[in-house]
Amino acid sequence: MKISRRELMTLADSEGFELELQNGVLNLVFEEPSETKFVVSPNAPVRQIWVSAMGRSYKLGWVPESGVFALNGEALVPLLDRLARVFVGRIELVTPETTQTVEDALARNDWPALDPYRRFLGPILQRVDPRLLASAGQAERPLGRDCVVISH
């Protein structure tokens, strides 16, 4: 199973899980939001990688043109990234309306209005006007996982 270790380590760091490799089987071990494992195992006779995650099985076949294992055009690492984000509750579907609501709340320094978005503020803030972030009222006000607004 040839997977970019750097890609998986980056994914593990960003989504908060551990990687375990035992006898050629890769386990993605989650403690939050509940203890679970995703299992990634090679099936060499049929040139596939099988992924078991969240009660489903994914069989990725070898795609010689792109040199990756993929399922319906989705390669292994992007598939694991998507599944990990779904599992930890970080489906990052940020609509223009959501971005506007967050921008309006920041402009008013309305911190309670941001509470419903707290878990998703990381990806939302990437779409917000940087000037609003710079002028957001309270110094070092925590906005979400790994997100802090520091006023100047």
Protein backbone atom coordinates (compact mmCIF):
# COMPACT_ATOMS: atom_id res chain seq x y z
CA MET A 1 0.00 0.00 0.00
CA LYS A 2 1.77 3.09 -1.24
CA ILE A 3 0.31 6.18 0.44
CA SER A 4 1.99 9.49 1.07
CA ARG A 5 2.96 9.40 4.74
CA ARG A 6 3.19 13.21 4.77
CA GLU A 7 -0.37 13.58 3.46
CA LEU A 8 -1.73 11.19 6.06
CA MET A 9 0.22 12.78 8.91
CA THR A 10 -1.06 16.20 7.90
CA LEU A 11 -4.60 14.83 7.76
CA ALA A 12 -4.22 13.10 11.14
CA ASP A 13 -2.92 16.32 12.72
CA SER A 14 -5.72 18.45 11.28
CA GLU A 15 -8.55 16.04 12.13
CA GLY A 16 -7.25 14.79 15.48
CA PHE A 17 -6.72 11.07 15.01
CA GLU A 18 -3.80 8.68 15.35
CA LEU A 19 -2.29 6.44 12.68
CA GLU A 20 -1.38 2.83 13.44
CA LEU A 21 0.22 0.48 10.93
CA GLN A 22 0.09 -3.21 11.85
CA ASN A 23 0.84 -6.10 9.49
CA GLY A 24 0.18 -3.99 6.41
CA VAL A 25 -3.17 -2.71 7.71
CA LEU A 26 -3.52 1.00 8.43
CA ASN A 27 -5.84 2.07 11.24
CA LEU A 28 -7.05 5.62 11.72
CA VAL A 29 -7.90 5.74 15.42
CA PHE A 30 -10.32 8.40 16.67
CA GLU A 31 -11.07 9.25 20.29
CA GLU A 32 -13.48 12.11 19.54
CA PRO A 33 -16.39 12.46 19.05
CA SER A 34 -16.42 8.74 19.96
CA GLU A 35 -13.85 5.95 19.97
CA THR A 36 -13.70 4.34 16.55
CA LYS A 37 -11.34 3.07 13.88
CA PHE A 38 -11.21 3.37 10.14
CA VAL A 39 -9.43 0.35 8.67
CA VAL A 40 -7.45 0.61 5.42
CA SER A 41 -6.23 -2.71 4.09
CA PRO A 42 -4.69 -3.83 0.81
CA ASN A 43 -6.24 -6.61 -1.23
CA ALA A 44 -3.32 -7.39 -3.51
CA PRO A 45 -4.88 -10.25 -5.55
CA VAL A 46 -7.52 -7.90 -6.99
CA ARG A 47 -5.33 -4.74 -6.91
CA GLN A 48 -7.62 -2.90 -4.53
CA ILE A 49 -7.49 -1.09 -1.22
CA TRP A 50 -10.44 -1.65 1.05
CA VAL A 51 -11.55 0.99 3.53
CA SER A 52 -13.96 0.23 6.34
CA ALA A 53 -15.33 3.37 7.96
CA MET A 54 -18.53 4.33 9.76
CA GLY A 55 -20.24 1.04 8.99
CA ARG A 56 -19.50 1.15 5.26
CA SER A 57 -17.02 -0.51 2.97
CA TYR A 58 -15.19 1.29 0.17
CA LYS A 59 -13.26 -0.68 -2.45
CA LEU A 60 -10.75 1.44 -4.32
CA GLY A 61 -9.34 0.04 -7.52
CA TRP A 62 -6.00 0.79 -9.11
CA VAL A 63 -6.17 3.55 -11.73
CA PRO A 64 -3.02 3.17 -13.87
CA GLU A 65 -3.55 6.47 -15.75
CA SER A 66 -3.23 8.49 -12.55
CA GLY A 67 -1.17 6.02 -10.54
CA VAL A 68 -3.52 5.98 -7.55
CA PHE A 69 -6.16 3.84 -5.93
CA ALA A 70 -9.55 5.51 -6.40
CA LEU A 71 -13.29 5.00 -6.14
CA ASN A 72 -15.45 6.94 -8.59
CA GLY A 73 -12.55 9.30 -9.27
CA GLU A 74 -11.82 9.99 -5.59
CA ALA A 75 -8.31 8.93 -4.55
CA LEU A 76 -7.53 7.30 -1.20
CA VAL A 77 -6.24 10.29 0.78
CA PRO A 78 -9.06 12.65 -0.31
CA LEU A 79 -11.55 9.87 0.54
CA LEU A 80 -10.04 9.46 4.01
CA ASP A 81 -10.03 13.25 4.43
CA ARG A 82 -13.71 13.48 3.54
CA LEU A 83 -14.70 10.55 5.76
CA ALA A 84 -12.68 11.91 8.70
CA ARG A 85 -14.31 15.33 8.37
CA VAL A 86 -17.77 13.77 8.24
CA PHE A 87 -17.00 11.63 11.28
CA VAL A 88 -15.74 14.50 13.43
CA GLY A 89 -18.60 16.73 12.28
CA ARG A 90 -16.63 19.15 10.15
CA ILE A 91 -18.51 19.00 6.89
CA GLU A 92 -17.35 22.24 5.43
CA LEU A 93 -20.28 23.40 3.37
CA VAL A 94 -20.07 27.13 3.81
CA THR A 95 -22.79 29.02 2.01
CA PRO A 96 -22.57 32.71 1.09
CA GLU A 97 -25.41 33.31 3.55
CA THR A 98 -23.43 31.72 6.39
CA THR A 99 -20.37 33.80 5.53
CA GLN A 100 -22.50 36.96 5.48
CA THR A 101 -24.09 36.11 8.84
CA VAL A 102 -20.65 35.64 10.42
CA GLU A 103 -19.34 38.86 8.84
CA ASP A 104 -22.35 40.77 10.18
CA ALA A 105 -21.84 39.33 13.68
CA LEU A 106 -18.14 40.24 13.60
CA ALA A 107 -18.93 43.78 12.46
CA ARG A 108 -21.31 44.17 15.44
CA ASN A 109 -18.98 42.34 17.88
CA ASP A 110 -21.95 40.06 18.48
CA TRP A 111 -20.15 37.05 19.98
CA PRO A 112 -23.34 35.17 20.98
CA ALA A 113 -24.45 35.25 17.32
CA LEU A 114 -21.27 33.32 16.43
CA ASP A 115 -21.97 30.48 18.89
CA PRO A 116 -23.98 28.33 16.45
CA TYR A 117 -21.00 28.41 14.05
CA ARG A 118 -18.25 27.87 16.64
CA ARG A 119 -17.27 24.35 15.46
CA PHE A 120 -17.07 25.52 11.85
CA LEU A 121 -15.51 28.94 12.25
CA GLY A 122 -12.12 27.82 10.89
CA PRO A 123 -13.36 27.25 7.35
CA ILE A 124 -15.88 30.11 7.56
CA LEU A 125 -13.23 32.62 8.63
CA GLN A 126 -11.14 31.72 5.60
CA ARG A 127 -13.89 33.31 3.51
CA VAL A 128 -14.46 36.39 5.68
CA ASP A 129 -13.09 39.82 4.78
CA PRO A 130 -9.71 40.07 6.60
CA ARG A 131 -10.43 43.68 7.60
CA LEU A 132 -13.35 42.45 9.70
CA LEU A 133 -11.11 40.00 11.48
CA ALA A 134 -8.54 42.71 12.20
CA SER A 135 -11.17 45.02 13.64
CA ALA A 136 -13.15 42.39 15.55
CA GLY A 137 -13.64 43.94 18.98
CA GLN A 138 -12.17 41.77 21.73
CA ALA A 139 -8.47 40.99 21.87
CA GLU A 140 -7.66 37.30 21.79
CA ARG A 141 -11.30 36.28 21.71
CA PRO A 142 -11.41 32.52 20.96
CA LEU A 143 -13.57 31.76 17.94
CA GLY A 144 -13.22 28.04 17.55
CA ARG A 145 -10.80 25.18 17.22
CA ASP A 146 -7.42 26.76 16.50
CA CYS A 147 -9.03 30.13 15.62
CA VAL A 148 -8.31 33.31 17.54
CA VAL A 149 -9.05 36.91 16.63
CA ILE A 150 -6.40 39.34 17.84
CA SER A 151 -7.25 43.00 17.50
CA HIS A 152 -4.46 45.48 16.83
